[in-house]
Amino acid sequence: MSRQKSRNTQVEMALRRALHAAGLRYRVHRRPLKSVRREADVVFGPAKVAVFVDGCFWHGCPAHATWPKNNADFWRTKIEGNRRRDQDTDRRLASAGWMSVRVWEHEDPVKAAARVLALVTARRTPGDRSGRAETSTAHRPGPGPNEVN
């Protein structure tokens, strides 16, 4: 298990590229809540959206997960524990006003990014500088605080 990459996987990077191409800006590998020892893969802080990219094997995808024949009891316990932890994480975040988005590794990253974009856009508050790039100060019309007309 220690040899399995847990950060910056190909699936995660493809999703992040699609999110960036859609104009979204975000934080990566952050705890949405400091009190909960769980990291989201992509976090939109002000919009309170946490995105988790779940592997089909490790998180027990109903469509693609396979149960290993060797050491089956260990793996069933491990994967079911992962599922329970995912549900607990979603519950904790929801109780704090966050929206959890679960993206399976087999999902099309462009479609998943569109789903995330819709949620972030709907949950954005006035003055929120995360999310779409055109809302950031870098694209603000007129001179910036250190610029002269």
Protein backbone atom coordinates (compact mmCIF):
# COMPACT_ATOMS: atom_id res chain seq x y z
CA MET A 1 0.00 0.00 0.00
CA SER A 2 2.87 2.37 0.72
CA ARG A 3 3.95 2.12 -2.92
CA GLN A 4 0.59 3.36 -4.16
CA LYS A 5 0.66 7.01 -5.09
CA SER A 6 -1.83 8.95 -2.98
CA ARG A 7 -1.24 12.48 -4.27
CA ASN A 8 -1.03 13.97 -7.73
CA THR A 9 -2.26 10.83 -9.46
CA GLN A 10 -2.93 10.93 -13.20
CA VAL A 11 -6.67 11.05 -12.55
CA GLU A 12 -6.32 13.88 -10.05
CA MET A 13 -4.03 15.86 -12.35
CA ALA A 14 -6.45 15.44 -15.27
CA LEU A 15 -9.30 16.76 -13.11
CA ARG A 16 -7.20 19.69 -11.90
CA ARG A 17 -6.25 20.57 -15.49
CA ALA A 18 -9.94 20.51 -16.47
CA LEU A 19 -10.88 22.67 -13.46
CA HIS A 20 -8.13 25.15 -14.31
CA ALA A 21 -9.19 25.22 -17.98
CA ALA A 22 -12.73 26.01 -16.79
CA GLY A 23 -11.30 29.08 -15.04
CA LEU A 24 -11.44 27.74 -11.49
CA ARG A 25 -8.71 28.43 -8.95
CA TYR A 26 -8.32 26.23 -5.91
CA ARG A 27 -6.07 24.81 -3.20
CA VAL A 28 -4.77 21.24 -3.32
CA HIS A 29 -4.30 18.64 -0.58
CA ARG A 30 -5.83 20.71 2.20
CA ARG A 31 -7.97 19.98 5.19
CA PRO A 32 -11.31 21.69 4.63
CA LEU A 33 -11.79 21.74 8.41
CA LYS A 34 -8.76 22.01 10.65
CA SER A 35 -10.53 19.91 13.30
CA VAL A 36 -11.02 16.95 10.94
CA ARG A 37 -7.86 15.01 10.05
CA ARG A 38 -8.86 14.39 6.46
CA GLU A 39 -7.49 16.06 3.36
CA ALA A 40 -9.45 16.87 0.24
CA ASP A 41 -7.71 16.64 -3.12
CA VAL A 42 -9.08 20.01 -4.27
CA VAL A 43 -10.54 22.70 -1.98
CA PHE A 44 -12.56 25.81 -2.84
CA GLY A 45 -12.44 27.56 0.55
CA PRO A 46 -14.84 30.49 0.31
CA ALA A 47 -17.39 28.43 -1.65
CA LYS A 48 -16.97 25.60 0.89
CA VAL A 49 -16.60 22.85 -1.70
CA ALA A 50 -14.22 19.93 -1.11
CA VAL A 51 -13.42 17.55 -3.98
CA PHE A 52 -12.19 14.01 -3.37
CA VAL A 53 -10.85 11.87 -6.23
CA ASP A 54 -11.58 8.28 -5.24
CA GLY A 55 -9.91 5.23 -6.76
CA CYS A 56 -12.31 2.49 -7.82
CA PHE A 57 -10.40 -0.22 -5.95
CA TRP A 58 -9.54 1.69 -2.77
CA HIS A 59 -12.99 3.20 -2.25
CA GLY A 60 -15.10 0.30 -3.53
CA CYS A 61 -16.67 1.72 -6.69
CA PRO A 62 -19.97 -0.13 -7.23
CA ALA A 63 -19.32 -0.26 -11.00
CA HIS A 64 -15.61 -1.17 -11.14
CA ALA A 65 -14.30 -2.38 -7.79
CA THR A 66 -12.99 -5.92 -7.66
CA TRP A 67 -12.49 -7.96 -4.52
CA PRO A 68 -9.07 -9.63 -4.35
CA LYS A 69 -9.10 -13.36 -3.80
CA ASN A 70 -5.85 -13.36 -1.80
CA ASN A 71 -6.28 -12.15 1.77
CA ALA A 72 -9.93 -11.40 0.99
CA ASP A 73 -10.99 -10.71 4.59
CA PHE A 74 -8.28 -8.09 5.04
CA TRP A 75 -9.17 -6.30 1.81
CA ARG A 76 -12.92 -6.38 2.43
CA THR A 77 -12.38 -4.88 5.90
CA LYS A 78 -9.96 -2.28 4.50
CA ILE A 79 -12.21 -1.15 1.64
CA GLU A 80 -15.38 -1.12 3.75
CA GLY A 81 -13.48 0.95 6.33
CA ASN A 82 -12.51 3.40 3.59
CA ARG A 83 -16.16 3.68 2.55
CA ARG A 84 -17.27 4.33 6.15
CA ARG A 85 -14.56 6.97 6.55
CA ASP A 86 -15.67 8.65 3.30
CA GLN A 87 -19.27 8.77 4.55
CA ASP A 88 -18.15 10.11 7.93
CA THR A 89 -16.05 12.79 6.21
CA ASP A 90 -19.00 13.83 4.03
CA ARG A 91 -21.26 14.03 7.11
CA ARG A 92 -18.77 16.11 9.10
CA LEU A 93 -18.21 18.52 6.24
CA ALA A 94 -21.95 18.85 5.58
CA SER A 95 -22.61 19.65 9.24
CA ALA A 96 -20.06 22.49 8.95
CA GLY A 97 -21.71 23.86 5.79
CA TRP A 98 -19.36 22.26 3.26
CA MET A 99 -20.30 20.38 0.11
CA SER A 100 -18.33 17.20 -0.62
CA VAL A 101 -17.89 16.14 -4.22
CA ARG A 102 -16.77 12.57 -4.88
CA VAL A 103 -15.20 11.91 -8.28
CA TRP A 104 -14.50 8.30 -9.26
CA GLU A 105 -11.26 7.61 -11.10
CA HIS A 106 -13.22 6.25 -14.10
CA GLU A 107 -15.20 9.49 -14.59
CA ASP A 108 -14.45 11.79 -17.50
CA PRO A 109 -12.44 14.65 -15.93
CA VAL A 110 -14.09 17.29 -18.14
CA LYS A 111 -17.58 16.18 -17.07
CA ALA A 112 -16.50 15.99 -13.43
CA ALA A 113 -15.01 19.49 -13.70
CA ALA A 114 -18.30 20.78 -15.13
CA ARG A 115 -20.13 19.31 -12.14
CA VAL A 116 -17.67 20.97 -9.74
CA LEU A 117 -17.89 24.29 -11.64
CA ALA A 118 -21.69 24.31 -11.27
CA LEU A 119 -21.45 23.70 -7.52
CA VAL A 120 -18.72 26.26 -6.91
CA THR A 121 -20.57 28.87 -8.97
CA ALA A 122 -23.84 28.22 -7.13
CA ARG A 123 -22.18 28.41 -3.70
CA ARG A 124 -19.95 31.40 -4.34
CA THR A 125 -20.56 34.42 -2.12
CA PRO A 126 -20.19 38.07 -3.15
CA GLY A 127 -16.54 39.08 -3.00
CA ASP A 128 -15.35 35.47 -3.30
CA ARG A 129 -12.07 35.57 -5.22
CA SER A 130 -11.72 31.82 -5.56
CA GLY A 131 -13.52 30.04 -8.32
CA ARG A 132 -13.47 31.58 -11.77
CA ALA A 133 -10.33 33.44 -12.74
CA GLU A 134 -12.12 36.53 -13.99
CA THR A 135 -13.27 37.28 -10.44
CA SER A 136 -9.69 37.53 -9.14
CA THR A 137 -7.90 40.83 -8.60
CA ALA A 138 -5.49 39.94 -11.41
CA HIS A 139 -8.30 40.54 -13.89
CA ARG A 140 -9.90 43.51 -12.14
CA PRO A 141 -10.66 46.43 -14.45
CA GLY A 142 -8.78 49.62 -13.74
CA PRO A 143 -5.50 50.15 -11.94
CA GLY A 144 -4.51 47.97 -9.01
CA PRO A 145 -3.54 49.34 -5.60
CA ASN A 146 0.11 49.81 -6.65
CA GLU A 147 -0.55 51.08 -10.17
CA VAL A 148 -1.00 54.55 -11.60
CA ASN A 149 -3.47 55.42 -14.39
